[in-house]
Amino acid sequence: MTSQVTPQEQDYPLSPVPMDQRRSIWSMGLVLLGFTFFTATMWAGGSIGVAFDFSTMLLVLAAGNLLLGTYAAILGYIAAKSGLNTALMSRFTFGELGSKLSDFILGFTQIGWYAWGTATMAILLVKLTGLPESWTTPLMVVFGFGFCITAFIGYKGLEMLSRFAVPAMIILVAVSMTIATSDAGGFSGLLAITPSDEMTVAAAITMVFGTFVSGGTQATNWTRFAKSGKTAVIATLLAFFLGNGLMTLIGAFGALVYQQADIVDIMVAQGLATLGILMLFLNLWTTQDNTVYNFAVAGCNMIRTRRRKLVTVGGAAIGTVLAVLGMYEWLIPFLVLLGTFIPPIGGVIMASYFIGYKREYPSLETATLPAFNIPGLAAYAIGSAAAYTSPWIAPIVGVLVAAASYGVVLVVSEAVRDRRAQVLGAV
C-alpha cells in the first residue's frame, strides 16, 4: 500500500537522509546542545560534587564526559556516513525482526525520560509558584502534550526552539555560576571546600557516562542530517563533552556551594526564582521534544510506518500517563537500567559497521537481511551481562565487550569463508 506521506515530511524515519537535506554544524550543534541541557544530568553532577574536592571533581567530570562524547561521536560518524539512525542501523546488526528489540529498549527509555521530565516540570512549578497540589495532574497533561509540539514539526521545530533556548540557558547559567563563585569566596574558597560524602572514581565516571548514554546512542537521529562525518563528530563532541559536561559541572558546583544539585533550587537560593522557573522550562522543553522525537523514530522502525508525527503524539500520550502514575519517583533505578542495557547496542553497531560492512552499509531497499542476526543478538546479550555484573565502569564495559564479542565473530566468520573458498578453489 502506498503511503500518503513523503519521507521528507516525516524526517525520513525509514530511509537514509539525502545529501540535499543535510544541515550545517551550527544547526546540528544547537539541536544537540538543547538535547544535552537536561535537569537530571545536573542531579548526577550534584552527587559527584559532594564526594570529591574541587580539582578531583573537575577531572572526574572531564573523564566521564569525554568518554561519553567519544562514544556518541563514533555513532554520529556512522550516522552521517550512512544517513541512517540507530533504529535503521540495528536492522543490519540484529536483523529485520531482531532490530525490534533495540527499538523497544531505546523507545522505552526515551519515553521514560519524557515521563520523568513532564512530571518534574509540573511538580516543581506547583512547588515554586505555590499553586494548589490539585493542579499537578492537569499540568502534567498540559506539559505532556505541549512539549511534543516542536518534535511533531520535526528537525526544523527542534532547531527553531534551540536557536532561542540554548543561548538563553547559557546566559542564565553564566549569571548563576558567577553569583555562586562569589558566594563561595572565589576560586580559593572553592578549593578549600572539603567533600562531605564518599564515592569511588569508577562509580562517579559511571554516573556521568550512564546518565545520558541513552541519549548518546540515539543522537544519530540528528547526526544523520550532518553534511559529513567530520561535521557529525565535531557537533556531537561539542554537545556531549561540553554541553553535558556543563550540566554535570553546574550540578556539582551547586552541591559544593549550596548543597543543592538542581539549577532551579540554586537560582531560588540566589534570589532568582523567576529566572529559575524560566530556566527549568527551557531546560526541560529542549530535552523533552528530543526524547519524544527519539521515541517516534524507534517506533516507526518497530511498526514499519512513516507516520512519525502520529507516533510522536502517541509517545507523548504514553509519557503523560507514566508521569501521572508516578515516574518522578523512579529516576535512580531507571538510570541504572539505562547504563546497563543501552550502551551494548552502540558497541555492536560499531563493530558491525567498521568490521562487518567495511564502513559502508548496503542499500536498505536491496539488502537481504535475516529475520534475526543471532551473532549480533548474542554479542548484545554478552555485553549486557558483562555490564550488569561489572564492578568497574559498567556502561564502558558493556560497549567494549559487546563490540569485541561481535568483532571476533565477524573476523572468524570471514576467515572461515576465505578458507572454505580456498579449499573449494583447490578442488
Protein backbone atom coordinates (compact mmCIF):
# COMPACT_ATOMS: atom_id res chain seq x y z
CA MET A 1 0.00 0.00 0.00
CA THR A 2 1.36 3.43 -0.93
CA SER A 3 1.93 5.81 1.95
CA GLN A 4 0.16 9.16 1.83
CA VAL A 5 3.08 10.97 3.43
CA THR A 6 6.51 11.65 1.97
CA PRO A 7 9.76 10.77 3.77
CA GLN A 8 10.74 14.46 3.80
CA GLU A 9 7.53 15.45 5.57
CA GLN A 10 8.23 12.90 8.30
CA ASP A 11 12.03 13.39 8.62
CA TYR A 12 12.98 10.11 6.88
CA PRO A 13 12.20 7.65 9.69
CA LEU A 14 12.65 4.58 7.44
CA SER A 15 15.19 5.74 4.87
CA PRO A 16 18.59 7.49 4.64
CA VAL A 17 18.62 11.28 4.75
CA PRO A 18 19.57 12.50 1.23
CA MET A 19 22.51 14.86 0.89
CA ASP A 20 20.35 17.80 -0.23
CA GLN A 21 18.57 17.68 3.15
CA ARG A 22 21.74 17.74 5.28
CA ARG A 23 22.33 20.53 7.85
CA SER A 24 25.23 22.70 8.95
CA ILE A 25 27.36 22.13 12.04
CA TRP A 26 25.78 25.25 13.58
CA SER A 27 22.27 23.86 13.17
CA MET A 28 23.22 20.42 14.45
CA GLY A 29 25.26 21.73 17.35
CA LEU A 30 22.34 23.83 18.62
CA VAL A 31 19.89 20.92 18.45
CA LEU A 32 22.29 18.55 20.22
CA LEU A 33 23.18 21.15 22.87
CA GLY A 34 19.49 21.65 23.57
CA PHE A 35 19.18 17.90 23.98
CA THR A 36 22.06 17.61 26.47
CA PHE A 37 20.94 20.57 28.59
CA PHE A 38 18.97 18.38 30.98
CA THR A 39 17.95 18.75 34.63
CA ALA A 40 18.61 15.10 35.57
CA THR A 41 22.23 15.46 34.44
CA MET A 42 22.68 18.26 36.98
CA TRP A 43 21.47 15.99 39.76
CA ALA A 44 24.03 13.37 38.75
CA GLY A 45 26.68 16.08 38.92
CA GLY A 46 25.41 17.08 42.35
CA SER A 47 26.06 13.59 43.72
CA ILE A 48 29.64 13.91 42.50
CA GLY A 49 30.09 17.44 43.81
CA VAL A 50 29.71 16.42 47.46
CA ALA A 51 32.03 13.41 47.13
CA PHE A 52 35.27 14.98 45.81
CA ASP A 53 37.39 18.04 46.28
CA PHE A 54 37.12 20.67 43.55
CA SER A 55 40.15 19.65 41.46
CA THR A 56 39.34 15.90 41.57
CA MET A 57 35.74 16.65 40.72
CA LEU A 58 36.82 18.51 37.58
CA LEU A 59 39.00 15.57 36.49
CA VAL A 60 36.15 13.07 37.04
CA LEU A 61 33.67 15.19 35.10
CA ALA A 62 36.14 15.71 32.26
CA ALA A 63 36.90 11.97 32.00
CA GLY A 64 33.27 10.87 32.14
CA ASN A 65 32.06 13.40 29.60
CA LEU A 66 34.99 12.79 27.24
CA LEU A 67 34.18 9.08 27.22
CA LEU A 68 30.50 9.84 26.64
CA GLY A 69 31.29 12.33 23.89
CA THR A 70 33.65 9.89 22.16
CA TYR A 71 31.03 7.10 22.25
CA ALA A 72 28.33 9.37 20.83
CA ALA A 73 30.70 10.86 18.24
CA ILE A 74 31.61 7.44 16.81
CA LEU A 75 27.93 6.61 16.36
CA GLY A 76 27.42 10.13 14.96
CA TYR A 77 30.12 9.49 12.35
CA ILE A 78 28.41 6.27 11.25
CA ALA A 79 25.06 8.08 11.05
CA ALA A 80 26.47 10.89 8.91
CA LYS A 81 28.21 8.50 6.53
CA SER A 82 25.16 6.26 6.12
CA GLY A 83 22.33 8.75 6.60
CA LEU A 84 20.72 6.24 8.97
CA ASN A 85 19.56 6.49 12.58
CA THR A 86 20.26 3.90 15.28
CA ALA A 87 16.96 2.09 14.67
CA LEU A 88 17.78 1.55 10.99
CA MET A 89 21.41 0.59 11.72
CA SER A 90 20.02 -2.07 14.04
CA ARG A 91 18.49 -3.90 11.08
CA PHE A 92 21.99 -4.62 9.76
CA THR A 93 23.19 -5.53 13.26
CA PHE A 94 20.29 -7.51 14.73
CA GLY A 95 18.19 -8.48 11.70
CA GLU A 96 14.85 -7.33 10.32
CA LEU A 97 12.87 -8.65 13.29
CA GLY A 98 15.74 -8.67 15.78
CA SER A 99 16.07 -4.89 15.40
CA LYS A 100 12.70 -4.54 17.10
CA LEU A 101 14.46 -5.47 20.36
CA SER A 102 16.61 -2.35 20.18
CA ASP A 103 13.57 -0.33 19.04
CA PHE A 104 11.72 -1.40 22.18
CA ILE A 105 14.66 -0.75 24.53
CA LEU A 106 15.52 2.63 23.03
CA GLY A 107 11.89 3.71 22.71
CA PHE A 108 11.05 2.65 26.26
CA THR A 109 13.98 4.50 27.81
CA GLN A 110 13.24 7.69 25.88
CA ILE A 111 9.56 7.70 26.79
CA GLY A 112 10.61 7.04 30.39
CA TRP A 113 12.72 10.21 30.28
CA TYR A 114 9.80 12.05 28.71
CA ALA A 115 7.52 10.96 31.54
CA TRP A 116 10.07 11.96 34.17
CA GLY A 117 10.60 15.40 32.60
CA THR A 118 6.87 16.02 32.28
CA ALA A 119 6.28 15.11 35.91
CA THR A 120 9.28 17.19 37.05
CA MET A 121 8.02 20.31 35.28
CA ALA A 122 4.54 20.04 36.77
CA ILE A 123 5.67 19.17 40.32
CA LEU A 124 8.35 21.87 40.54
CA LEU A 125 6.11 24.54 39.01
CA VAL A 126 3.48 23.86 41.66
CA LYS A 127 6.18 23.92 44.34
CA LEU A 128 7.85 27.12 43.15
CA THR A 129 4.68 29.12 42.48
CA GLY A 130 2.60 27.94 45.44
CA LEU A 131 -0.21 26.59 43.24
CA PRO A 132 -2.64 24.09 44.82
CA GLU A 133 -1.48 20.44 44.69
CA SER A 134 -4.61 19.61 42.70
CA TRP A 135 -3.07 21.43 39.74
CA THR A 136 -0.25 18.89 39.41
CA THR A 137 -2.02 16.27 37.30
CA PRO A 138 -3.68 18.76 34.90
CA LEU A 139 -0.30 20.45 34.43
CA MET A 140 1.27 17.08 33.62
CA VAL A 141 -1.29 16.64 30.85
CA VAL A 142 -0.66 20.16 29.53
CA PHE A 143 3.12 19.77 29.51
CA GLY A 144 2.93 16.17 28.31
CA PHE A 145 1.30 17.22 25.06
CA GLY A 146 2.75 20.76 24.90
CA PHE A 147 6.39 19.62 24.94
CA CYS A 148 5.85 17.44 21.87
CA ILE A 149 4.81 20.30 19.56
CA THR A 150 8.32 21.02 18.26
CA ALA A 151 9.01 17.29 17.91
CA PHE A 152 5.77 16.95 15.92
CA ILE A 153 7.10 19.54 13.47
CA GLY A 154 10.35 17.60 13.15
CA TYR A 155 14.01 18.61 12.89
CA LYS A 156 13.01 22.15 11.89
CA GLY A 157 10.93 22.50 15.04
CA LEU A 158 13.74 21.25 17.26
CA GLU A 159 16.16 23.66 15.59
CA MET A 160 13.83 26.68 15.94
CA LEU A 161 13.44 26.10 19.68
CA SER A 162 17.17 25.51 20.20
CA ARG A 163 18.12 28.73 18.40
CA PHE A 164 16.32 30.65 21.15
CA ALA A 165 16.61 28.37 24.16
CA VAL A 166 20.29 27.39 24.06
CA PRO A 167 21.73 30.96 24.13
CA ALA A 168 19.17 31.94 26.79
CA MET A 169 20.14 28.98 29.00
CA ILE A 170 23.85 29.71 28.61
CA ILE A 171 23.30 33.30 29.75
CA LEU A 172 21.17 32.21 32.73
CA VAL A 173 23.75 29.62 33.74
CA ALA A 174 26.60 32.13 33.45
CA VAL A 175 24.77 34.58 35.74
CA SER A 176 24.08 31.87 38.32
CA MET A 177 27.62 30.46 38.25
CA THR A 178 29.10 33.94 38.70
CA ILE A 179 26.97 34.52 41.78
CA ALA A 180 27.84 31.05 43.12
CA THR A 181 31.57 31.66 42.72
CA SER A 182 31.20 34.93 44.62
CA ASP A 183 29.17 33.25 47.38
CA ALA A 184 31.85 30.58 47.75
CA GLY A 185 34.53 33.21 48.26
CA GLY A 186 36.08 32.96 44.80
CA PHE A 187 38.18 30.11 43.46
CA SER A 188 40.26 29.99 46.62
CA GLY A 189 37.07 29.36 48.56
CA LEU A 190 36.07 26.57 46.15
CA LEU A 191 39.43 24.86 46.53
CA ALA A 192 39.08 24.99 50.31
CA ILE A 193 35.75 23.12 50.39
CA THR A 194 36.11 19.54 51.67
CA PRO A 195 33.89 16.66 50.45
CA SER A 196 31.02 15.62 52.72
CA ASP A 197 30.26 12.26 51.07
CA GLU A 198 32.16 9.33 49.59
CA MET A 199 32.18 7.82 46.10
CA THR A 200 34.76 5.92 44.09
CA VAL A 201 36.14 7.46 40.90
CA ALA A 202 34.79 4.49 38.89
CA ALA A 203 31.30 4.96 40.30
CA ALA A 204 31.42 8.69 39.54
CA ILE A 205 32.51 8.15 35.94
CA THR A 206 29.78 5.50 35.58
CA MET A 207 27.22 8.02 36.75
CA VAL A 208 28.41 10.71 34.31
CA PHE A 209 28.58 8.28 31.40
CA GLY A 210 25.43 6.34 32.22
CA THR A 211 23.10 9.26 32.90
CA PHE A 212 22.95 10.33 29.27
CA VAL A 213 24.29 7.32 27.37
CA SER A 214 20.79 6.51 26.09
CA GLY A 215 20.72 9.97 24.53
CA GLY A 216 24.18 9.45 23.05
CA THR A 217 23.07 6.17 21.50
CA GLN A 218 20.17 7.92 19.77
CA ALA A 219 21.89 11.18 18.87
CA THR A 220 22.13 9.57 15.42
CA ASN A 221 18.58 10.80 14.86
CA TRP A 222 20.16 14.25 14.28
CA THR A 223 23.72 13.46 13.23
CA ARG A 224 22.32 11.59 10.20
CA PHE A 225 21.47 15.10 8.96
CA ALA A 226 25.18 16.09 9.05
CA LYS A 227 26.84 17.07 5.78
CA SER A 228 29.93 14.99 6.61
CA GLY A 229 31.35 12.63 9.18
CA LYS A 230 33.62 15.41 10.43
CA THR A 231 30.62 17.71 10.98
CA ALA A 232 28.84 14.98 12.97
CA VAL A 233 31.87 14.26 15.15
CA ILE A 234 32.52 17.93 15.98
CA ALA A 235 28.85 18.68 16.71
CA THR A 236 28.48 15.58 18.87
CA LEU A 237 31.63 16.23 20.88
CA LEU A 238 30.54 19.84 21.34
CA ALA A 239 27.20 18.74 22.74
CA PHE A 240 28.15 15.71 24.80
CA PHE A 241 31.55 16.76 26.10
CA LEU A 242 30.93 20.48 26.56
CA GLY A 243 27.12 20.62 26.84
CA ASN A 244 26.63 17.58 29.04
CA GLY A 245 29.84 18.49 30.83
CA LEU A 246 28.46 21.93 31.64
CA MET A 247 25.28 20.40 33.09
CA THR A 248 27.19 18.00 35.35
CA LEU A 249 29.52 20.83 36.37
CA ILE A 250 26.59 23.07 37.33
CA GLY A 251 25.12 20.30 39.47
CA ALA A 252 28.47 19.60 41.12
CA PHE A 253 29.14 23.31 41.59
CA GLY A 254 25.77 23.86 43.23
CA ALA A 255 26.26 20.87 45.53
CA LEU A 256 29.60 22.30 46.65
CA VAL A 257 28.38 25.82 47.33
CA TYR A 258 24.69 25.48 48.24
CA GLN A 259 24.27 21.77 48.93
CA GLN A 260 21.77 21.76 46.03
CA ALA A 261 22.28 19.96 42.72
CA ASP A 262 19.46 21.40 40.65
CA ILE A 263 19.86 24.75 38.86
CA VAL A 264 16.32 25.78 39.79
CA ASP A 265 16.91 25.30 43.51
CA ILE A 266 20.24 27.10 43.17
CA MET A 267 18.62 30.09 41.48
CA VAL A 268 15.93 30.20 44.15
CA ALA A 269 18.67 30.24 46.81
CA GLN A 270 20.29 33.11 44.89
CA GLY A 271 17.03 35.07 44.83
CA LEU A 272 16.46 34.38 41.12
CA ALA A 273 13.21 32.41 41.42
CA THR A 274 11.60 33.80 38.23
CA LEU A 275 14.72 33.11 36.19
CA GLY A 276 14.85 29.66 37.78
CA ILE A 277 11.36 28.82 36.52
CA LEU A 278 12.30 30.06 33.04
CA MET A 279 15.49 28.00 33.14
CA LEU A 280 13.56 24.90 34.18
CA PHE A 281 11.04 25.34 31.38
CA LEU A 282 13.66 25.86 28.64
CA ASN A 283 15.92 23.17 30.07
CA LEU A 284 13.19 20.55 30.03
CA TRP A 285 11.49 21.54 26.78
CA THR A 286 14.69 21.31 24.71
CA THR A 287 15.23 17.78 26.03
CA GLN A 288 11.61 16.66 26.11
CA ASP A 289 10.99 17.32 22.43
CA ASN A 290 14.17 15.44 21.55
CA THR A 291 13.28 12.41 23.66
CA VAL A 292 9.79 12.04 22.21
CA TYR A 293 11.30 12.51 18.74
CA ASN A 294 13.67 9.62 19.55
CA PHE A 295 10.71 7.52 20.66
CA ALA A 296 8.90 8.26 17.41
CA VAL A 297 11.87 7.26 15.25
CA ALA A 298 12.32 3.98 17.12
CA GLY A 299 8.55 3.40 17.00
CA CYS A 300 8.41 3.97 13.24
CA ASN A 301 11.04 1.29 12.71
CA MET A 302 9.28 -1.12 15.07
CA ILE A 303 5.90 -0.95 13.35
CA ARG A 304 7.32 -0.03 9.91
CA THR A 305 5.41 3.20 9.37
CA ARG A 306 6.49 6.58 8.01
CA ARG A 307 3.85 8.39 10.08
CA ARG A 308 6.35 9.81 12.56
CA LYS A 309 4.04 12.66 13.57
CA LEU A 310 1.29 10.26 14.63
CA VAL A 311 3.76 8.12 16.58
CA THR A 312 5.09 11.30 18.25
CA VAL A 313 1.65 12.17 19.62
CA GLY A 314 1.19 8.56 20.73
CA GLY A 315 4.51 8.68 22.57
CA ALA A 316 3.52 11.93 24.30
CA ALA A 317 0.29 10.26 25.45
CA ILE A 318 2.17 7.26 26.87
CA GLY A 319 4.69 9.53 28.58
CA THR A 320 1.92 11.62 30.10
CA VAL A 321 0.22 8.52 31.52
CA LEU A 322 3.52 7.33 33.03
CA ALA A 323 4.08 10.80 34.52
CA VAL A 324 0.67 10.74 36.19
CA LEU A 325 1.39 7.21 37.50
CA GLY A 326 4.50 8.44 39.37
CA MET A 327 7.53 8.25 37.05
CA TYR A 328 9.10 11.08 39.08
CA GLU A 329 9.91 8.59 41.85
CA TRP A 330 11.65 6.03 39.61
CA LEU A 331 14.66 8.04 38.43
CA ILE A 332 17.50 6.17 40.18
CA PRO A 333 16.52 2.59 39.16
CA PHE A 334 15.75 3.95 35.71
CA LEU A 335 19.29 5.38 35.41
CA VAL A 336 20.76 2.01 36.45
CA LEU A 337 18.70 0.34 33.72
CA LEU A 338 19.92 2.82 31.10
CA GLY A 339 23.58 2.48 31.99
CA THR A 340 23.42 -1.32 31.79
CA PHE A 341 21.32 -2.22 28.76
CA ILE A 342 21.68 0.71 26.33
CA PRO A 343 25.47 1.01 25.69
CA PRO A 344 25.96 -2.55 24.32
CA ILE A 345 23.63 -1.67 21.43
CA GLY A 346 26.06 1.02 20.33
CA GLY A 347 29.01 -1.35 20.76
CA VAL A 348 27.55 -4.00 18.45
CA ILE A 349 26.59 -1.36 15.85
CA MET A 350 30.16 -0.02 15.81
CA ALA A 351 31.64 -3.50 15.26
CA SER A 352 29.06 -4.25 12.59
CA TYR A 353 29.79 -1.06 10.63
CA PHE A 354 33.58 -0.93 10.86
CA ILE A 355 34.36 -4.69 10.69
CA GLY A 356 31.32 -6.40 9.18
CA TYR A 357 30.37 -3.88 6.48
CA LYS A 358 33.80 -2.24 6.00
CA ARG A 359 32.40 1.28 6.59
CA GLU A 360 29.63 1.10 4.01
CA TYR A 361 26.13 -0.25 4.55
CA PRO A 362 24.34 -1.66 1.51
CA SER A 363 21.04 -0.11 0.43
CA LEU A 364 18.18 -0.87 2.81
CA GLU A 365 15.87 -1.39 -0.16
CA THR A 366 18.01 -4.05 -1.83
CA ALA A 367 19.84 -5.66 1.11
CA THR A 368 18.83 -9.21 2.02
CA LEU A 369 18.82 -9.30 5.81
CA PRO A 370 17.98 -12.23 8.09
CA ALA A 371 14.99 -12.02 10.40
CA PHE A 372 17.32 -12.48 13.37
CA ASN A 373 21.07 -11.89 13.26
CA ILE A 374 21.97 -14.37 16.00
CA PRO A 375 25.65 -13.35 16.39
CA GLY A 376 24.67 -9.71 16.79
CA LEU A 377 21.95 -10.50 19.32
CA ALA A 378 24.30 -12.83 21.20
CA ALA A 379 27.00 -10.14 21.33
CA TYR A 380 24.44 -7.70 22.74
CA ALA A 381 23.42 -10.21 25.41
CA ILE A 382 27.07 -10.87 26.35
CA GLY A 383 27.78 -7.13 26.56
CA SER A 384 24.70 -6.52 28.71
CA ALA A 385 25.59 -9.38 31.06
CA ALA A 386 29.14 -8.05 31.39
CA ALA A 387 27.84 -4.56 32.16
CA TYR A 388 25.31 -5.87 34.69
CA THR A 389 27.92 -7.88 36.63
CA SER A 390 30.86 -5.48 36.25
CA PRO A 391 32.26 -3.84 39.40
CA TRP A 392 34.06 -1.35 37.13
CA ILE A 393 32.54 1.31 34.83
CA ALA A 394 29.50 -0.70 33.68
CA PRO A 395 28.47 1.26 30.55
CA ILE A 396 32.01 1.25 29.14
CA VAL A 397 32.40 -2.45 29.89
CA GLY A 398 29.12 -3.10 28.07
CA VAL A 399 30.24 -1.20 24.95
CA LEU A 400 33.70 -2.79 24.79
CA VAL A 401 32.59 -6.37 25.50
CA ALA A 402 29.68 -6.19 23.05
CA ALA A 403 31.89 -4.70 20.31
CA ALA A 404 34.71 -7.17 20.94
CA SER A 405 32.35 -10.17 21.01
CA TYR A 406 30.76 -9.30 17.71
CA GLY A 407 34.07 -8.25 16.18
CA VAL A 408 35.62 -11.65 16.98
CA VAL A 409 32.64 -13.45 15.43
CA LEU A 410 32.87 -11.35 12.27
CA VAL A 411 36.65 -11.82 11.88
CA VAL A 412 36.45 -15.61 12.50
CA SER A 413 33.48 -15.98 10.14
CA GLU A 414 35.32 -14.12 7.39
CA ALA A 415 38.42 -16.27 7.90
CA VAL A 416 36.33 -19.45 7.70
CA ARG A 417 34.65 -18.26 4.48
CA ASP A 418 38.01 -17.39 2.93
CA ARG A 419 39.47 -20.76 3.92
CA ARG A 420 36.44 -22.60 2.55
CA ALA A 421 36.72 -20.68 -0.73
CA GLN A 422 40.40 -21.62 -0.99
CA VAL A 423 39.62 -25.30 -0.39
CA LEU A 424 36.82 -25.33 -2.96
CA GLY A 425 39.03 -23.46 -5.42
CA ALA A 426 41.79 -26.03 -4.99
CA VAL A 427 39.35 -28.86 -5.63
